Amino acid sequence: MAGRHQHGHGRFERLARHNRDASLARIGSVTRKAVIGSVAAMAALGVYVARAFPGHQNTSPAPSSSSSTTAPSSGVSGASPSPSATLSPPTSAPARTQAPPVVSSGAS
C-alpha cells in the first residue's frame, strides 16, 4: 500500500508544478501587457498635452534686426504688450553685499 501512495504523490507534485508554472506564465503575460498598455497610454497623454498647451515653438523664428524683444501678452485675448513689457539686459551686474540674510519662519 505504501508504493501506491507514493506513486500518486509524484503525479500530484507534477500536476502542482505544471499548474504553478502555468499560473506564473499567465501572471507574467498580464504584467507585460499592463506595462505595455501603461507606457502607450502615457505616450498618448504626453502627445495630447503637448498639443493642447502652447509652449516652445518647434521652428526657430526668423532673425530680426531689432535688439529688443517683446514679452508675451498677459493672456487677455486681443491685448497687445505695453511698451514697458519689452525685455532688455540689466545695466550692471548684481553686486555682493555684506548684509546678513533675512530669515523668516512664517510663524509670527
C-alpha atoms as a PDB file:
ATOM      1  CA  MET A   1       0.000   0.000   0.000  1.00  0.00           C
ATOM      2  CA  ALA A   2       2.864   2.329   0.635  1.00  0.00           C
ATOM      3  CA  GLY A   3       4.035   2.077  -3.009  1.00  0.00           C
ATOM      4  CA  ARG A   4       0.643   3.068  -4.305  1.00  0.00           C
ATOM      5  CA  HIS A   5       0.549   6.142  -2.125  1.00  0.00           C
ATOM      6  CA  GLN A   6       3.953   7.400  -3.297  1.00  0.00           C
ATOM      7  CA  HIS A   7       3.098   6.805  -6.940  1.00  0.00           C
ATOM      8  CA  GLY A   8       0.026   9.042  -6.645  1.00  0.00           C
ATOM      9  CA  HIS A   9       2.015  11.625  -4.724  1.00  0.00           C
ATOM     10  CA  GLY A  10       4.545  12.033  -7.593  1.00  0.00           C
ATOM     11  CA  ARG A  11       1.732  12.585 -10.061  1.00  0.00           C
ATOM     12  CA  PHE A  12       0.242  15.204  -7.727  1.00  0.00           C
ATOM     13  CA  GLU A  13       3.614  17.015  -7.494  1.00  0.00           C
ATOM     14  CA  ARG A  14       3.983  17.071 -11.292  1.00  0.00           C
ATOM     15  CA  LEU A  15       0.454  18.403 -11.660  1.00  0.00           C
ATOM     16  CA  ALA A  16       1.073  21.020  -8.966  1.00  0.00           C
ATOM     17  CA  ARG A  17       4.333  22.123 -10.671  1.00  0.00           C
ATOM     18  CA  HIS A  18       2.565  22.324 -14.028  1.00  0.00           C
ATOM     19  CA  ASN A  19      -0.274  24.413 -12.547  1.00  0.00           C
ATOM     20  CA  ARG A  20       2.217  26.684 -10.782  1.00  0.00           C
ATOM     21  CA  ASP A  21       4.257  27.220 -13.955  1.00  0.00           C
ATOM     22  CA  ALA A  22       1.127  27.899 -15.994  1.00  0.00           C
ATOM     23  CA  SER A  23      -0.085  30.422 -13.409  1.00  0.00           C
ATOM     24  CA  LEU A  24       3.289  32.182 -13.342  1.00  0.00           C
ATOM     25  CA  ALA A  25       3.249  32.375 -17.137  1.00  0.00           C
ATOM     26  CA  ARG A  26      -0.259  33.914 -17.040  1.00  0.00           C
ATOM     27  CA  ILE A  27       0.798  36.452 -14.406  1.00  0.00           C
ATOM     28  CA  GLY A  28       3.883  37.343 -16.452  1.00  0.00           C
ATOM     29  CA  SER A  29       1.749  37.825 -19.546  1.00  0.00           C
ATOM     30  CA  VAL A  30      -0.761  40.024 -17.719  1.00  0.00           C
ATOM     31  CA  THR A  31       2.047  42.092 -16.160  1.00  0.00           C
ATOM     32  CA  ARG A  32       3.763  42.540 -19.522  1.00  0.00           C
ATOM     33  CA  LYS A  33       0.508  43.659 -21.168  1.00  0.00           C
ATOM     34  CA  ALA A  34      -0.201  46.085 -18.299  1.00  0.00           C
ATOM     35  CA  VAL A  35       3.255  47.655 -18.593  1.00  0.00           C
ATOM     36  CA  ILE A  36       2.993  47.993 -22.371  1.00  0.00           C
ATOM     37  CA  GLY A  37      -0.506  49.473 -22.056  1.00  0.00           C
ATOM     38  CA  SER A  38       0.533  51.992 -19.415  1.00  0.00           C
ATOM     39  CA  VAL A  39       3.567  53.097 -21.430  1.00  0.00           C
ATOM     40  CA  ALA A  40       1.383  53.525 -24.517  1.00  0.00           C
ATOM     41  CA  ALA A  41      -1.209  55.480 -22.502  1.00  0.00           C
ATOM     42  CA  MET A  42       1.470  57.769 -21.059  1.00  0.00           C
ATOM     43  CA  ALA A  43       2.886  58.396 -24.536  1.00  0.00           C
ATOM     44  CA  ALA A  44      -0.567  59.218 -25.908  1.00  0.00           C
ATOM     45  CA  LEU A  45      -1.265  61.512 -22.950  1.00  0.00           C
ATOM     46  CA  GLY A  46       2.082  63.233 -23.465  1.00  0.00           C
ATOM     47  CA  VAL A  47       1.325  63.871 -27.139  1.00  0.00           C
ATOM     48  CA  TYR A  48      -2.142  65.177 -26.247  1.00  0.00           C
ATOM     49  CA  VAL A  49      -0.844  67.526 -23.558  1.00  0.00           C
ATOM     50  CA  ALA A  50       1.976  68.745 -25.780  1.00  0.00           C
ATOM     51  CA  ARG A  51      -0.531  69.728 -28.440  1.00  0.00           C
ATOM     52  CA  ALA A  52      -3.122  71.122 -26.019  1.00  0.00           C
ATOM     53  CA  PHE A  53      -0.869  73.539 -24.149  1.00  0.00           C
ATOM     54  CA  PRO A  54       1.206  76.020 -26.122  1.00  0.00           C
ATOM     55  CA  GLY A  55       4.870  76.017 -25.257  1.00  0.00           C
ATOM     56  CA  HIS A  56       8.086  76.374 -27.120  1.00  0.00           C
ATOM     57  CA  GLN A  57       7.867  76.567 -30.872  1.00  0.00           C
ATOM     58  CA  ASN A  58       9.365  73.764 -32.909  1.00  0.00           C
ATOM     59  CA  THR A  59      10.579  76.117 -35.622  1.00  0.00           C
ATOM     60  CA  SER A  60      13.213  78.736 -34.994  1.00  0.00           C
ATOM     61  CA  PRO A  61      11.997  82.311 -35.507  1.00  0.00           C
ATOM     62  CA  ALA A  62      13.410  84.366 -38.322  1.00  0.00           C
ATOM     63  CA  PRO A  63      16.292  86.597 -37.202  1.00  0.00           C
ATOM     64  CA  SER A  64      15.172  90.163 -36.616  1.00  0.00           C
ATOM     65  CA  SER A  65      17.157  93.328 -36.981  1.00  0.00           C
ATOM     66  CA  SER A  66      15.928  94.890 -33.715  1.00  0.00           C
ATOM     67  CA  SER A  67      17.785  94.113 -30.499  1.00  0.00           C
ATOM     68  CA  SER A  68      14.800  94.286 -28.143  1.00  0.00           C
ATOM     69  CA  THR A  69      12.271  91.542 -27.680  1.00  0.00           C
ATOM     70  CA  THR A  70       8.693  91.981 -26.533  1.00  0.00           C
ATOM     71  CA  ALA A  71       7.273  89.879 -23.730  1.00  0.00           C
ATOM     72  CA  PRO A  72       4.231  87.700 -24.385  1.00  0.00           C
ATOM     73  CA  SER A  73       0.837  89.177 -23.593  1.00  0.00           C
ATOM     74  CA  SER A  74      -0.742  88.561 -20.205  1.00  0.00           C
ATOM     75  CA  GLY A  75      -3.231  86.077 -21.618  1.00  0.00           C
ATOM     76  CA  VAL A  76      -6.018  88.546 -22.408  1.00  0.00           C
ATOM     77  CA  SER A  77      -7.143  88.000 -25.969  1.00  0.00           C
ATOM     78  CA  GLY A  78      -6.682  90.965 -28.224  1.00  0.00           C
ATOM     79  CA  ALA A  79      -4.343  92.710 -25.789  1.00  0.00           C
ATOM     80  CA  SER A  80      -1.041  93.932 -27.109  1.00  0.00           C
ATOM     81  CA  PRO A  81       2.049  94.132 -24.944  1.00  0.00           C
ATOM     82  CA  SER A  82       2.678  97.534 -23.447  1.00  0.00           C
ATOM     83  CA  PRO A  83       5.891  99.423 -24.226  1.00  0.00           C
ATOM     84  CA  SER A  84       7.070  98.724 -20.644  1.00  0.00           C
ATOM     85  CA  ALA A  85       6.857  94.978 -21.327  1.00  0.00           C
ATOM     86  CA  THR A  86       9.971  94.940 -23.511  1.00  0.00           C
ATOM     87  CA  LEU A  87      12.909  92.980 -22.232  1.00  0.00           C
ATOM     88  CA  SER A  88      16.379  94.406 -22.042  1.00  0.00           C
ATOM     89  CA  PRO A  89      19.563  93.271 -20.334  1.00  0.00           C
ATOM     90  CA  PRO A  90      20.414  94.791 -16.934  1.00  0.00           C
ATOM     91  CA  THR A  91      22.568  97.911 -16.957  1.00  0.00           C
ATOM     92  CA  SER A  92      25.055  96.424 -14.464  1.00  0.00           C
ATOM     93  CA  ALA A  93      25.844  93.049 -12.958  1.00  0.00           C
ATOM     94  CA  PRO A  94      24.454  92.229  -9.490  1.00  0.00           C
ATOM     95  CA  ALA A  95      26.753  93.331  -6.684  1.00  0.00           C
ATOM     96  CA  ARG A  96      27.512  91.387  -3.479  1.00  0.00           C
ATOM     97  CA  THR A  97      26.529  92.990  -0.186  1.00  0.00           C
ATOM     98  CA  GLN A  98      27.718  92.398   3.366  1.00  0.00           C
ATOM     99  CA  ALA A  99      24.204  92.402   4.878  1.00  0.00           C
ATOM    100  CA  PRO A 100      23.214  89.236   6.774  1.00  0.00           C
ATOM    101  CA  PRO A 101      20.452  87.144   5.197  1.00  0.00           C
ATOM    102  CA  VAL A 102      16.905  87.757   6.404  1.00  0.00           C
ATOM    103  CA  VAL A 103      15.297  84.660   7.908  1.00  0.00           C
ATOM    104  CA  SER A 104      11.550  84.398   8.341  1.00  0.00           C
ATOM    105  CA  SER A 105       9.941  81.324   9.861  1.00  0.00           C
ATOM    106  CA  GLY A 106       6.406  82.328   8.936  1.00  0.00           C
ATOM    107  CA  ALA A 107       5.135  81.795  12.499  1.00  0.00           C
ATOM    108  CA  SER A 108       4.901  85.384  13.671  1.00  0.00           C
END
